[in-house]
């Protein structure tokens, strides 16, 4: 009986995964037809089996924004795509208003603040 209760969830997960996969394949196929098979950052060319190393990057980082003209897409190799997303993550982390930028100054110690007084006292 417990397998019957789990099967609707598993079935729903399978349906959602299939829908996501077909959506991604849809815009990937369109992007590969629209653009030359070249990475938009490092300009490496891809063909044959290596074409799978070319990914579709959403310029605005919104994977639901898929205009039919492909204006939100660019083809990037796996390495440049990972680099672009890590840069975006860093930008989000260190942007104004983030908790990292609100922590204030990291160092408050002034090493040479009393140097003049120390030098005068030794004379």
PDB file of N, CA and C in Angstrom:
ATOM      1  N   UNK A   1       0.806  -1.186   0.000  1.00  0.00           N
ATOM      2  CA  UNK A   1       0.000   0.000   0.000  1.00  0.00           C
ATOM      3  C   UNK A   1       0.858   1.263   0.000  1.00  0.00           C
ATOM      4  N   UNK A   2       1.988   1.240   0.705  1.00  0.00           N
ATOM      5  CA  UNK A   2       2.820   2.439   0.763  1.00  0.00           C
ATOM      6  C   UNK A   2       3.387   2.767  -0.615  1.00  0.00           C
ATOM      7  N   UNK A   3       3.604   1.760  -1.480  1.00  0.00           N
ATOM      8  CA  UNK A   3       4.097   2.030  -2.828  1.00  0.00           C
ATOM      9  C   UNK A   3       3.030   2.717  -3.665  1.00  0.00           C
ATOM     10  N   UNK A   4       1.736   2.452  -3.378  1.00  0.00           N
ATOM     11  CA  UNK A   4       0.658   3.128  -4.089  1.00  0.00           C
ATOM     12  C   UNK A   4       0.626   4.611  -3.730  1.00  0.00           C
ATOM     13  N   UNK A   5       0.912   4.940  -2.470  1.00  0.00           N
ATOM     14  CA  UNK A   5       0.912   6.336  -2.044  1.00  0.00           C
ATOM     15  C   UNK A   5       2.099   7.093  -2.631  1.00  0.00           C
ATOM     16  N   UNK A   6       3.219   6.421  -2.816  1.00  0.00           N
ATOM     17  CA  UNK A   6       4.411   7.064  -3.358  1.00  0.00           C
ATOM     18  C   UNK A   6       4.338   7.203  -4.871  1.00  0.00           C
ATOM     19  N   UNK A   7       3.583   6.350  -5.527  1.00  0.00           N
ATOM     20  CA  UNK A   7       3.565   6.367  -6.988  1.00  0.00           C
ATOM     21  C   UNK A   7       2.979   7.646  -7.588  1.00  0.00           C
ATOM     22  N   UNK A   8       1.925   8.269  -7.015  1.00  0.00           N
ATOM     23  CA  UNK A   8       1.471   9.537  -7.599  1.00  0.00           C
ATOM     24  C   UNK A   8       2.545  10.623  -7.538  1.00  0.00           C
ATOM     25  N   UNK A   9       3.307  10.666  -6.458  1.00  0.00           N
ATOM     26  CA  UNK A   9       4.384  11.642  -6.338  1.00  0.00           C
ATOM     27  C   UNK A   9       5.480  11.345  -7.351  1.00  0.00           C
ATOM     28  N   UNK A  10       5.847  10.084  -7.461  1.00  0.00           N
ATOM     29  CA  UNK A  10       6.876   9.698  -8.417  1.00  0.00           C
ATOM     30  C   UNK A  10       6.415   9.975  -9.841  1.00  0.00           C
ATOM     31  N   UNK A  11       5.146   9.721 -10.103  1.00  0.00           N
ATOM     32  CA  UNK A  11       4.602   9.973 -11.431  1.00  0.00           C
ATOM     33  C   UNK A  11       4.615  11.474 -11.736  1.00  0.00           C
ATOM     34  N   UNK A  12       4.230  12.288 -10.780  1.00  0.00           N
ATOM     35  CA  UNK A  12       4.245  13.736 -10.955  1.00  0.00           C
ATOM     36  C   UNK A  12       5.670  14.243 -11.176  1.00  0.00           C
ATOM     37  N   UNK A  13       6.618  13.725 -10.389  1.00  0.00           N
ATOM     38  CA  UNK A  13       8.023  14.107 -10.567  1.00  0.00           C
ATOM     39  C   UNK A  13       8.509  13.754 -11.963  1.00  0.00           C
ATOM     40  N   UNK A  14       8.130  12.582 -12.440  1.00  0.00           N
ATOM     41  CA  UNK A  14       8.536  12.138 -13.771  1.00  0.00           C
ATOM     42  C   UNK A  14       7.935  13.042 -14.854  1.00  0.00           C
ATOM     43  N   UNK A  15       6.668  13.413 -14.690  1.00  0.00           N
ATOM     44  CA  UNK A  15       5.991  14.281 -15.663  1.00  0.00           C
ATOM     45  C   UNK A  15       6.640  15.658 -15.691  1.00  0.00           C
ATOM     46  N   UNK A  16       6.934  16.217 -14.502  1.00  0.00           N
ATOM     47  CA  UNK A  16       7.567  17.528 -14.431  1.00  0.00           C
ATOM     48  C   UNK A  16       8.975  17.505 -15.020  1.00  0.00           C
ATOM     49  N   UNK A  17       9.726  16.456 -14.743  1.00  0.00           N
ATOM     50  CA  UNK A  17      11.075  16.337 -15.298  1.00  0.00           C
ATOM     51  C   UNK A  17      11.029  16.237 -16.817  1.00  0.00           C
ATOM     52  N   UNK A  18      10.075  15.491 -17.333  1.00  0.00           N
ATOM     53  CA  UNK A  18       9.921  15.360 -18.786  1.00  0.00           C
ATOM     54  C   UNK A  18       9.545  16.694 -19.426  1.00  0.00           C
ATOM     55  N   UNK A  19       8.656  17.447 -18.783  1.00  0.00           N
ATOM     56  CA  UNK A  19       8.259  18.755 -19.309  1.00  0.00           C
ATOM     57  C   UNK A  19       9.447  19.714 -19.321  1.00  0.00           C
ATOM     58  N   UNK A  20      10.220  19.714 -18.253  1.00  0.00           N
ATOM     59  CA  UNK A  20      11.410  20.564 -18.179  1.00  0.00           C
ATOM     60  C   UNK A  20      12.409  20.183 -19.269  1.00  0.00           C
ATOM     61  N   UNK A  21      12.634  18.899 -19.444  1.00  0.00           N
ATOM     62  CA  UNK A  21      13.576  18.420 -20.453  1.00  0.00           C
ATOM     63  C   UNK A  21      13.136  18.817 -21.858  1.00  0.00           C
ATOM     64  N   UNK A  22      11.848  18.652 -22.145  1.00  0.00           N
ATOM     65  CA  UNK A  22      11.363  18.992 -23.485  1.00  0.00           C
ATOM     66  C   UNK A  22      11.416  20.499 -23.722  1.00  0.00           C
ATOM     67  N   UNK A  23      11.165  21.293 -22.682  1.00  0.00           N
ATOM     68  CA  UNK A  23      11.263  22.749 -22.818  1.00  0.00           C
ATOM     69  C   UNK A  23      12.695  23.162 -23.107  1.00  0.00           C
ATOM     70  N   UNK A  24      13.648  22.592 -22.360  1.00  0.00           N
ATOM     71  CA  UNK A  24      15.056  22.911 -22.571  1.00  0.00           C
ATOM     72  C   UNK A  24      15.525  22.464 -23.943  1.00  0.00           C
ATOM     73  N   UNK A  25      15.125  21.272 -24.363  1.00  0.00           N
ATOM     74  CA  UNK A  25      15.511  20.795 -25.683  1.00  0.00           C
ATOM     75  C   UNK A  25      14.930  21.690 -26.763  1.00  0.00           C
ATOM     76  N   UNK A  26      13.739  22.235 -26.529  1.00  0.00           N
ATOM     77  CA  UNK A  26      13.093  23.105 -27.499  1.00  0.00           C
ATOM     78  C   UNK A  26      13.900  24.355 -27.762  1.00  0.00           C
ATOM     79  N   UNK A  27      14.280  25.091 -26.713  1.00  0.00           N
ATOM     80  CA  UNK A  27      15.020  26.317 -26.959  1.00  0.00           C
ATOM     81  C   UNK A  27      16.473  26.036 -27.315  1.00  0.00           C
ATOM     82  N   UNK A  28      17.022  24.920 -26.881  1.00  0.00           N
ATOM     83  CA  UNK A  28      18.394  24.563 -27.284  1.00  0.00           C
ATOM     84  C   UNK A  28      18.438  24.287 -28.779  1.00  0.00           C
ATOM     85  N   UNK A  29      17.476  23.505 -29.275  1.00  0.00           N
ATOM     86  CA  UNK A  29      17.429  23.219 -30.714  1.00  0.00           C
ATOM     87  C   UNK A  29      17.271  24.496 -31.525  1.00  0.00           C
ATOM     88  N   UNK A  30      16.413  25.399 -31.050  1.00  0.00           N
ATOM     89  CA  UNK A  30      16.213  26.669 -31.767  1.00  0.00           C
ATOM     90  C   UNK A  30      17.490  27.497 -31.766  1.00  0.00           C
ATOM     91  N   UNK A  31      18.154  27.563 -30.615  1.00  0.00           N
ATOM     92  CA  UNK A  31      19.384  28.348 -30.521  1.00  0.00           C
ATOM     93  C   UNK A  31      20.481  27.762 -31.412  1.00  0.00           C
ATOM     94  N   UNK A  32      20.577  26.441 -31.472  1.00  0.00           N
ATOM     95  CA  UNK A  32      21.594  25.817 -32.318  1.00  0.00           C
ATOM     96  C   UNK A  32      21.315  26.046 -33.803  1.00  0.00           C
ATOM     97  N   UNK A  33      20.043  26.209 -34.162  1.00  0.00           N
ATOM     98  CA  UNK A  33      19.705  26.508 -35.553  1.00  0.00           C
ATOM     99  C   UNK A  33      19.941  27.979 -35.883  1.00  0.00           C
ATOM    100  N   UNK A  34      19.752  28.859 -34.898  1.00  0.00           N
ATOM    101  CA  UNK A  34      19.885  30.312 -35.119  1.00  0.00           C
ATOM    102  C   UNK A  34      21.329  30.791 -35.166  1.00  0.00           C
ATOM    103  N   UNK A  35      22.135  30.269 -34.270  1.00  0.00           N
ATOM    104  CA  UNK A  35      23.478  30.800 -34.073  1.00  0.00           C
ATOM    105  C   UNK A  35      24.539  29.838 -34.594  1.00  0.00           C
ATOM    106  N   UNK A  36      25.695  30.381 -34.988  1.00  0.00           N
ATOM    107  CA  UNK A  36      26.807  29.489 -35.365  1.00  0.00           C
ATOM    108  C   UNK A  36      27.279  28.711 -34.143  1.00  0.00           C
ATOM    109  N   UNK A  37      27.842  27.572 -34.361  1.00  0.00           N
ATOM    110  CA  UNK A  37      28.259  26.691 -33.270  1.00  0.00           C
ATOM    111  C   UNK A  37      29.617  27.130 -32.731  1.00  0.00           C
ATOM    112  N   UNK A  38      29.636  28.324 -32.168  1.00  0.00           N
ATOM    113  CA  UNK A  38      30.843  28.953 -31.638  1.00  0.00           C
ATOM    114  C   UNK A  38      30.512  29.533 -30.271  1.00  0.00           C
ATOM    115  N   UNK A  39      31.423  29.372 -29.311  1.00  0.00           N
ATOM    116  CA  UNK A  39      31.228  29.953 -27.980  1.00  0.00           C
ATOM    117  C   UNK A  39      31.270  31.472 -28.096  1.00  0.00           C
ATOM    118  N   UNK A  40      30.302  32.122 -27.499  1.00  0.00           N
ATOM    119  CA  UNK A  40      30.217  33.570 -27.539  1.00  0.00           C
ATOM    120  C   UNK A  40      31.276  34.285 -26.723  1.00  0.00           C
ATOM    121  N   UNK A  41      32.024  33.579 -25.870  1.00  0.00           N
ATOM    122  CA  UNK A  41      33.080  34.202 -25.065  1.00  0.00           C
ATOM    123  C   UNK A  41      34.477  33.873 -25.596  1.00  0.00           C
ATOM    124  N   UNK A  42      34.794  32.597 -25.707  1.00  0.00           N
ATOM    125  CA  UNK A  42      36.163  32.211 -26.078  1.00  0.00           C
ATOM    126  C   UNK A  42      36.310  31.918 -27.575  1.00  0.00           C
ATOM    127  N   UNK A  43      35.219  31.916 -28.318  1.00  0.00           N
ATOM    128  CA  UNK A  43      35.201  31.747 -29.780  1.00  0.00           C
ATOM    129  C   UNK A  43      35.660  30.362 -30.250  1.00  0.00           C
ATOM    130  N   UNK A  44      35.620  29.365 -29.359  1.00  0.00           N
ATOM    131  CA  UNK A  44      35.932  28.002 -29.802  1.00  0.00           C
ATOM    132  C   UNK A  44      34.784  27.489 -30.646  1.00  0.00           C
ATOM    133  N   UNK A  45      35.103  26.728 -31.675  1.00  0.00           N
ATOM    134  CA  UNK A  45      34.092  26.143 -32.551  1.00  0.00           C
ATOM    135  C   UNK A  45      33.776  24.724 -32.093  1.00  0.00           C
ATOM    136  N   UNK A  46      32.520  24.333 -32.262  1.00  0.00           N
ATOM    137  CA  UNK A  46      32.063  23.018 -31.834  1.00  0.00           C
ATOM    138  C   UNK A  46      31.325  22.340 -32.974  1.00  0.00           C
ATOM    139  N   UNK A  47      31.552  21.039 -33.095  1.00  0.00           N
ATOM    140  CA  UNK A  47      30.833  20.245 -34.095  1.00  0.00           C
ATOM    141  C   UNK A  47      30.843  18.788 -33.664  1.00  0.00           C
ATOM    142  N   UNK A  48      30.019  17.992 -34.294  1.00  0.00           N
ATOM    143  CA  UNK A  48      29.962  16.563 -34.005  1.00  0.00           C
ATOM    144  C   UNK A  48      29.588  16.271 -32.567  1.00  0.00           C
ATOM    145  N   UNK A  49      30.322  15.336 -31.965  1.00  0.00           N
ATOM    146  CA  UNK A  49      30.049  14.935 -30.581  1.00  0.00           C
ATOM    147  C   UNK A  49      30.310  16.067 -29.596  1.00  0.00           C
ATOM    148  N   UNK A  50      31.241  16.952 -29.932  1.00  0.00           N
ATOM    149  CA  UNK A  50      31.591  18.043 -29.025  1.00  0.00           C
ATOM    150  C   UNK A  50      30.522  19.127 -28.984  1.00  0.00           C
ATOM    151  N   UNK A  51      29.524  19.055 -29.855  1.00  0.00           N
ATOM    152  CA  UNK A  51      28.437  20.030 -29.852  1.00  0.00           C
ATOM    153  C   UNK A  51      27.676  19.993 -28.529  1.00  0.00           C
ATOM    154  N   UNK A  52      27.722  18.862 -27.843  1.00  0.00           N
ATOM    155  CA  UNK A  52      27.048  18.758 -26.544  1.00  0.00           C
ATOM    156  C   UNK A  52      27.725  19.627 -25.485  1.00  0.00           C
ATOM    157  N   UNK A  53      28.962  20.069 -25.726  1.00  0.00           N
ATOM    158  CA  UNK A  53      29.668  20.943 -24.788  1.00  0.00           C
ATOM    159  C   UNK A  53      29.262  22.401 -24.945  1.00  0.00           C
ATOM    160  N   UNK A  54      28.425  22.697 -25.920  1.00  0.00           N
ATOM    161  CA  UNK A  54      27.946  24.049 -26.147  1.00  0.00           C
ATOM    162  C   UNK A  54      26.583  24.195 -25.483  1.00  0.00           C
ATOM    163  N   UNK A  55      26.440  25.167 -24.610  1.00  0.00           N
ATOM    164  CA  UNK A  55      25.207  25.333 -23.846  1.00  0.00           C
ATOM    165  C   UNK A  55      24.515  26.635 -24.227  1.00  0.00           C
ATOM    166  N   UNK A  56      23.236  26.710 -23.918  1.00  0.00           N
ATOM    167  CA  UNK A  56      22.471  27.930 -24.136  1.00  0.00           C
ATOM    168  C   UNK A  56      22.458  28.709 -22.827  1.00  0.00           C
ATOM    169  N   UNK A  57      22.984  29.915 -22.888  1.00  0.00           N
ATOM    170  CA  UNK A  57      23.023  30.787 -21.710  1.00  0.00           C
ATOM    171  C   UNK A  57      21.942  31.845 -21.849  1.00  0.00           C
ATOM    172  N   UNK A  58      21.178  32.054 -20.786  1.00  0.00           N
ATOM    173  CA  UNK A  58      20.164  33.113 -20.755  1.00  0.00           C
ATOM    174  C   UNK A  58      20.837  34.390 -20.267  1.00  0.00           C
ATOM    175  N   UNK A  59      20.878  35.386 -21.106  1.00  0.00           N
ATOM    176  CA  UNK A  59      21.595  36.618 -20.795  1.00  0.00           C
ATOM    177  C   UNK A  59      21.077  37.305 -19.535  1.00  0.00           C
ATOM    178  N   UNK A  60      19.771  37.246 -19.312  1.00  0.00           N
ATOM    179  CA  UNK A  60      19.220  37.884 -18.110  1.00  0.00           C
ATOM    180  C   UNK A  60      19.109  36.907 -16.937  1.00  0.00           C
ATOM    181  N   UNK A  61      19.643  35.718 -17.086  1.00  0.00           N
ATOM    182  CA  UNK A  61      19.668  34.662 -16.059  1.00  0.00           C
ATOM    183  C   UNK A  61      18.269  34.191 -15.670  1.00  0.00           C
ATOM    184  N   UNK A  62      17.277  34.452 -16.512  1.00  0.00           N
ATOM    185  CA  UNK A  62      15.911  33.999 -16.276  1.00  0.00           C
ATOM    186  C   UNK A  62      15.604  32.879 -17.271  1.00  0.00           C
ATOM    187  N   UNK A  63      15.569  31.663 -16.805  1.00  0.00           N
ATOM    188  CA  UNK A  63      15.373  30.506 -17.685  1.00  0.00           C
ATOM    189  C   UNK A  63      13.949  30.395 -18.218  1.00  0.00           C
ATOM    190  N   UNK A  64      13.050  31.193 -17.691  1.00  0.00           N
ATOM    191  CA  UNK A  64      11.682  31.205 -18.204  1.00  0.00           C
ATOM    192  C   UNK A  64      11.503  32.237 -19.311  1.00  0.00           C
ATOM    193  N   UNK A  65      12.488  33.097 -19.519  1.00  0.00           N
ATOM    194  CA  UNK A  65      12.424  34.122 -20.554  1.00  0.00           C
ATOM    195  C   UNK A  65      13.034  33.557 -21.842  1.00  0.00           C
ATOM    196  N   UNK A  66      12.201  33.006 -22.692  1.00  0.00           N
ATOM    197  CA  UNK A  66      12.644  32.367 -23.931  1.00  0.00           C
ATOM    198  C   UNK A  66      11.924  32.950 -25.138  1.00  0.00           C
ATOM    199  N   UNK A  67      12.268  34.187 -25.541  1.00  0.00           N
ATOM    200  CA  UNK A  67      11.603  34.774 -26.704  1.00  0.00           C
ATOM    201  C   UNK A  67      11.928  33.981 -27.967  1.00  0.00           C
ATOM    202  N   UNK A  68      10.981  33.940 -28.879  1.00  0.00           N
ATOM    203  CA  UNK A  68      11.142  33.141 -30.100  1.00  0.00           C
ATOM    204  C   UNK A  68      12.279  33.637 -30.982  1.00  0.00           C
ATOM    205  N   UNK A  69      12.639  34.932 -30.877  1.00  0.00           N
ATOM    206  CA  UNK A  69      13.729  35.453 -31.698  1.00  0.00           C
ATOM    207  C   UNK A  69      15.105  35.146 -31.119  1.00  0.00           C
ATOM    208  N   UNK A  70      15.161  34.545 -29.930  1.00  0.00           N
ATOM    209  CA  UNK A  70      16.427  34.151 -29.320  1.00  0.00           C
ATOM    210  C   UNK A  70      17.230  35.309 -28.750  1.00  0.00           C
ATOM    211  N   UNK A  71      16.605  36.439 -28.538  1.00  0.00           N
ATOM    212  CA  UNK A  71      17.333  37.621 -28.076  1.00  0.00           C
ATOM    213  C   UNK A  71      17.868  37.492 -26.653  1.00  0.00           C
ATOM    214  N   UNK A  72      17.394  36.536 -25.892  1.00  0.00           N
ATOM    215  CA  UNK A  72      17.882  36.338 -24.529  1.00  0.00           C
ATOM    216  C   UNK A  72      18.889  35.184 -24.435  1.00  0.00           C
ATOM    217  N   UNK A  73      19.267  34.621 -25.550  1.00  0.00           N
ATOM    218  CA  UNK A  73      20.153  33.461 -25.555  1.00  0.00           C
ATOM    219  C   UNK A  73      21.507  33.804 -26.148  1.00  0.00           C
ATOM    220  N   UNK A  74      22.504  33.073 -25.692  1.00  0.00           N
ATOM    221  CA  UNK A  74      23.796  33.045 -26.367  1.00  0.00           C
ATOM    222  C   UNK A  74      24.393  31.669 -26.123  1.00  0.00           C
ATOM    223  N   UNK A  75      25.147  31.195 -27.072  1.00  0.00           N
ATOM    224  CA  UNK A  75      25.785  29.892 -26.950  1.00  0.00           C
ATOM    225  C   UNK A  75      27.136  30.069 -26.270  1.00  0.00           C
ATOM    226  N   UNK A  76      27.344  29.313 -25.204  1.00  0.00           N
ATOM    227  CA  UNK A  76      28.605  29.340 -24.469  1.00  0.00           C
ATOM    228  C   UNK A  76      29.086  27.914 -24.249  1.00  0.00           C
ATOM    229  N   UNK A  77      30.403  27.723 -24.253  1.00  0.00           N
ATOM    230  CA  UNK A  77      30.937  26.400 -23.917  1.00  0.00           C
ATOM    231  C   UNK A  77      30.729  26.172 -22.423  1.00  0.00           C
ATOM    232  N   UNK A  78      30.908  24.949 -21.994  1.00  0.00           N
ATOM    233  CA  UNK A  78      30.680  24.609 -20.583  1.00  0.00           C
ATOM    234  C   UNK A  78      31.528  25.459 -19.639  1.00  0.00           C
ATOM    235  N   UNK A  79      32.782  25.687 -20.009  1.00  0.00           N
ATOM    236  CA  UNK A  79      33.687  26.424 -19.132  1.00  0.00           C
ATOM    237  C   UNK A  79      33.275  27.894 -19.024  1.00  0.00           C
ATOM    238  N   UNK A  80      32.984  28.521 -20.159  1.00  0.00           N
ATOM    239  CA  UNK A  80      32.568  29.930 -20.136  1.00  0.00           C
ATOM    240  C   UNK A  80      31.201  30.086 -19.466  1.00  0.00           C
ATOM    241  N   UNK A  81      30.320  29.104 -19.630  1.00  0.00           N
ATOM    242  CA  UNK A  81      29.011  29.158 -19.000  1.00  0.00           C
ATOM    243  C   UNK A  81      29.149  29.102 -17.481  1.00  0.00           C
ATOM    244  N   UNK A  82      29.985  28.198 -16.990  1.00  0.00           N
ATOM    245  CA  UNK A  82      30.225  28.115 -15.546  1.00  0.00           C
ATOM    246  C   UNK A  82      30.846  29.410 -15.026  1.00  0.00           C
ATOM    247  N   UNK A  83      31.798  29.962 -15.780  1.00  0.00           N
ATOM    248  CA  UNK A  83      32.440  31.206 -15.385  1.00  0.00           C
ATOM    249  C   UNK A  83      31.425  32.344 -15.322  1.00  0.00           C
ATOM    250  N   UNK A  84      30.544  32.431 -16.303  1.00  0.00           N
ATOM    251  CA  UNK A  84      29.524  33.482 -16.335  1.00  0.00           C
ATOM    252  C   UNK A  84      28.598  33.380 -15.123  1.00  0.00           C
ATOM    253  N   UNK A  85      28.187  32.163 -14.773  1.00  0.00           N
ATOM    254  CA  UNK A  85      27.296  32.002 -13.627  1.00  0.00           C
ATOM    255  C   UNK A  85      28.004  32.280 -12.306  1.00  0.00           C
ATOM    256  N   UNK A  86      29.281  31.942 -12.197  1.00  0.00           N
ATOM    257  CA  UNK A  86      29.999  32.244 -10.952  1.00  0.00           C
ATOM    258  C   UNK A  86      30.223  33.746 -10.831  1.00  0.00           C
ATOM    259  N   UNK A  87      30.462  34.442 -11.946  1.00  0.00           N
ATOM    260  CA  UNK A  87      30.580  35.904 -11.900  1.00  0.00           C
ATOM    261  C   UNK A  87      29.258  36.534 -11.479  1.00  0.00           C
ATOM    262  N   UNK A  88      28.161  36.009 -11.993  1.00  0.00           N
ATOM    263  CA  UNK A  88      26.838  36.522 -11.639  1.00  0.00           C
ATOM    264  C   UNK A  88      26.559  36.301 -10.155  1.00  0.00           C
ATOM    265  N   UNK A  89      26.926  35.142  -9.646  1.00  0.00           N
ATOM    266  CA  UNK A  89      26.735  34.837  -8.228  1.00  0.00           C
ATOM    267  C   UNK A  89      27.561  35.792  -7.363  1.00  0.00           C
ATOM    268  N   UNK A  90      28.817  36.019  -7.772  1.00  0.00           N
ATOM    269  CA  UNK A  90      29.661  36.962  -7.030  1.00  0.00           C
ATOM    270  C   UNK A  90      29.067  38.361  -7.052  1.00  0.00           C
ATOM    271  N   UNK A  91      28.567  38.766  -8.210  1.00  0.00           N
ATOM    272  CA  UNK A  91      27.966  40.092  -8.339  1.00  0.00           C
ATOM    273  C   UNK A  91      26.764  40.225  -7.406  1.00  0.00           C
ATOM    274  N   UNK A  92      25.931  39.196  -7.352  1.00  0.00           N
ATOM    275  CA  UNK A  92      24.766  39.229  -6.471  1.00  0.00           C
ATOM    276  C   UNK A  92      25.201  39.291  -5.009  1.00  0.00           C
ATOM    277  N   UNK A  93      26.241  38.561  -4.674  1.00  0.00           N
ATOM    278  CA  UNK A  93      26.698  38.484  -3.286  1.00  0.00           C
ATOM    279  C   UNK A  93      27.279  39.808  -2.814  1.00  0.00           C
ATOM    280  N   UNK A  94      28.071  40.464  -3.683  1.00  0.00           N
ATOM    281  CA  UNK A  94      28.768  41.673  -3.281  1.00  0.00           C
ATOM    282  C   UNK A  94      28.075  42.962  -3.711  1.00  0.00           C
ATOM    283  N   UNK A  95      26.884  42.875  -4.249  1.00  0.00           N
ATOM    284  CA  UNK A  95      26.183  44.076  -4.690  1.00  0.00           C
ATOM    285  C   UNK A  95      25.699  44.883  -3.490  1.00  0.00           C
ATOM    286  N   UNK A  96      25.347  46.128  -3.740  1.00  0.00           N
ATOM    287  CA  UNK A  96      24.805  46.959  -2.680  1.00  0.00           C
ATOM    288  C   UNK A  96      23.505  46.344  -2.176  1.00  0.00           C
ATOM    289  N   UNK A  97      23.321  46.406  -0.887  1.00  0.00           N
ATOM    290  CA  UNK A  97      22.109  45.851  -0.304  1.00  0.00           C
ATOM    291  C   UNK A  97      22.247  44.402   0.117  1.00  0.00           C
ATOM    292  N   UNK A  98      23.322  43.731  -0.315  1.00  0.00           N
ATOM    293  CA  UNK A  98      23.497  42.349   0.119  1.00  0.00           C
ATOM    294  C   UNK A  98      24.031  42.340   1.545  1.00  0.00           C
ATOM    295  N   UNK A  99      23.915  41.246   2.217  1.00  0.00           N
ATOM    296  CA  UNK A  99      24.375  41.159   3.604  1.00  0.00           C
ATOM    297  C   UNK A  99      25.892  41.259   3.680  1.00  0.00           C
ATOM    298  N   UNK A 100      26.600  40.838   2.620  1.00  0.00           N
ATOM    299  CA  UNK A 100      28.060  40.918   2.635  1.00  0.00           C
ATOM    300  C   UNK A 100      28.530  42.363   2.637  1.00  0.00           C
ATOM    301  N   UNK A 101      27.841  43.241   1.911  1.00  0.00           N
ATOM    302  CA  UNK A 101      28.269  44.635   1.854  1.00  0.00           C
ATOM    303  C   UNK A 101      27.767  45.430   3.053  1.00  0.00           C
ATOM    304  N   UNK A 102      26.867  44.910   3.850  1.00  0.00           N
ATOM    305  CA  UNK A 102      26.324  45.626   4.996  1.00  0.00           C
ATOM    306  C   UNK A 102      27.069  45.321   6.287  1.00  0.00           C
ATOM    307  N   UNK A 103      28.088  44.517   6.208  1.00  0.00           N
ATOM    308  CA  UNK A 103      28.792  44.135   7.422  1.00  0.00           C
ATOM    309  C   UNK A 103      29.701  45.242   7.940  1.00  0.00           C
ATOM    310  N   UNK A 104      29.911  46.276   7.173  1.00  0.00           N
ATOM    311  CA  UNK A 104      30.744  47.381   7.598  1.00  0.00           C
ATOM    312  C   UNK A 104      32.212  47.099   7.345  1.00  0.00           C
ATOM    313  N   UNK A 105      33.071  47.963   7.847  1.00  0.00           N
ATOM    314  CA  UNK A 105      34.502  47.773   7.600  1.00  0.00           C
ATOM    315  C   UNK A 105      35.008  46.514   8.300  1.00  0.00           C
ATOM    316  N   UNK A 106      35.885  45.818   7.614  1.00  0.00           N
ATOM    317  CA  UNK A 106      36.424  44.581   8.163  1.00  0.00           C
ATOM    318  C   UNK A 106      37.495  44.875   9.222  1.00  0.00           C
ATOM    319  N   UNK A 107      38.274  45.960   9.026  1.00  0.00           N
ATOM    320  CA  UNK A 107      39.364  46.266   9.937  1.00  0.00           C
ATOM    321  C   UNK A 107      39.191  47.675  10.487  1.00  0.00           C
ATOM    322  N   UNK A 108      39.335  47.821  11.780  1.00  0.00           N
ATOM    323  CA  UNK A 108      39.231  49.144  12.398  1.00  0.00           C
ATOM    324  C   UNK A 108      40.550  49.551  13.051  1.00  0.00           C
ATOM    325  N   UNK A 109      41.509  48.655  13.120  1.00  0.00           N
ATOM    326  CA  UNK A 109      42.802  48.938  13.733  1.00  0.00           C
ATOM    327  C   UNK A 109      43.634  49.811  12.795  1.00  0.00           C
ATOM    328  N   UNK A 110      44.239  50.857  13.342  1.00  0.00           N
ATOM    329  CA  UNK A 110      45.112  51.744  12.579  1.00  0.00           C
ATOM    330  C   UNK A 110      46.519  51.565  13.130  1.00  0.00           C
ATOM    331  N   UNK A 111      47.345  50.849  12.391  1.00  0.00           N
ATOM    332  CA  UNK A 111      48.666  50.454  12.870  1.00  0.00           C
ATOM    333  C   UNK A 111      49.575  51.635  13.161  1.00  0.00           C
ATOM    334  N   UNK A 112      49.507  52.702  12.396  1.00  0.00           N
ATOM    335  CA  UNK A 112      50.420  53.821  12.562  1.00  0.00           C
ATOM    336  C   UNK A 112      49.763  55.042  13.211  1.00  0.00           C
ATOM    337  N   UNK A 113      48.678  54.863  13.895  1.00  0.00           N
ATOM    338  CA  UNK A 113      47.944  55.984  14.473  1.00  0.00           C
ATOM    339  C   UNK A 113      48.785  56.740  15.496  1.00  0.00           C
ATOM    340  N   UNK A 114      49.527  56.052  16.343  1.00  0.00           N
ATOM    341  CA  UNK A 114      50.313  56.699  17.403  1.00  0.00           C
ATOM    342  C   UNK A 114      51.804  56.699  17.101  1.00  0.00           C
ATOM    343  N   UNK A 115      52.193  56.545  15.880  1.00  0.00           N
ATOM    344  CA  UNK A 115      53.604  56.471  15.517  1.00  0.00           C
ATOM    345  C   UNK A 115      54.334  57.772  15.850  1.00  0.00           C
ATOM    346  N   UNK A 116      53.749  58.900  15.531  1.00  0.00           N
ATOM    347  CA  UNK A 116      54.403  60.185  15.816  1.00  0.00           C
ATOM    348  C   UNK A 116      54.640  60.348  17.311  1.00  0.00           C
ATOM    349  N   UNK A 117      53.658  59.990  18.123  1.00  0.00           N
ATOM    350  CA  UNK A 117      53.817  60.115  19.579  1.00  0.00           C
ATOM    351  C   UNK A 117      54.895  59.172  20.099  1.00  0.00           C
ATOM    352  N   UNK A 118      54.971  57.969  19.538  1.00  0.00           N
ATOM    353  CA  UNK A 118      55.995  57.012  19.965  1.00  0.00           C
ATOM    354  C   UNK A 118      57.403  57.504  19.599  1.00  0.00           C
ATOM    355  N   UNK A 119      57.541  58.080  18.428  1.00  0.00           N
ATOM    356  CA  UNK A 119      58.846  58.582  17.999  1.00  0.00           C
ATOM    357  C   UNK A 119      59.281  59.762  18.856  1.00  0.00           C
ATOM    358  N   UNK A 120      58.352  60.634  19.213  1.00  0.00           N
ATOM    359  CA  UNK A 120      58.702  61.794  20.057  1.00  0.00           C
ATOM    360  C   UNK A 120      59.073  61.348  21.463  1.00  0.00           C
ATOM    361  N   UNK A 121      58.417  60.333  21.968  1.00  0.00           N
ATOM    362  CA  UNK A 121      58.698  59.888  23.335  1.00  0.00           C
ATOM    363  C   UNK A 121      60.072  59.222  23.441  1.00  0.00           C
ATOM    364  N   UNK A 122      60.591  58.668  22.376  1.00  0.00           N
ATOM    365  CA  UNK A 122      61.898  57.994  22.411  1.00  0.00           C
ATOM    366  C   UNK A 122      63.037  59.002  22.247  1.00  0.00           C
ATOM    367  N   UNK A 123      62.769  60.211  21.798  1.00  0.00           N
ATOM    368  CA  UNK A 123      63.820  61.205  21.602  1.00  0.00           C
ATOM    369  C   UNK A 123      64.196  61.848  22.853  1.00  0.00           C
TER     370      UNK A 123
END
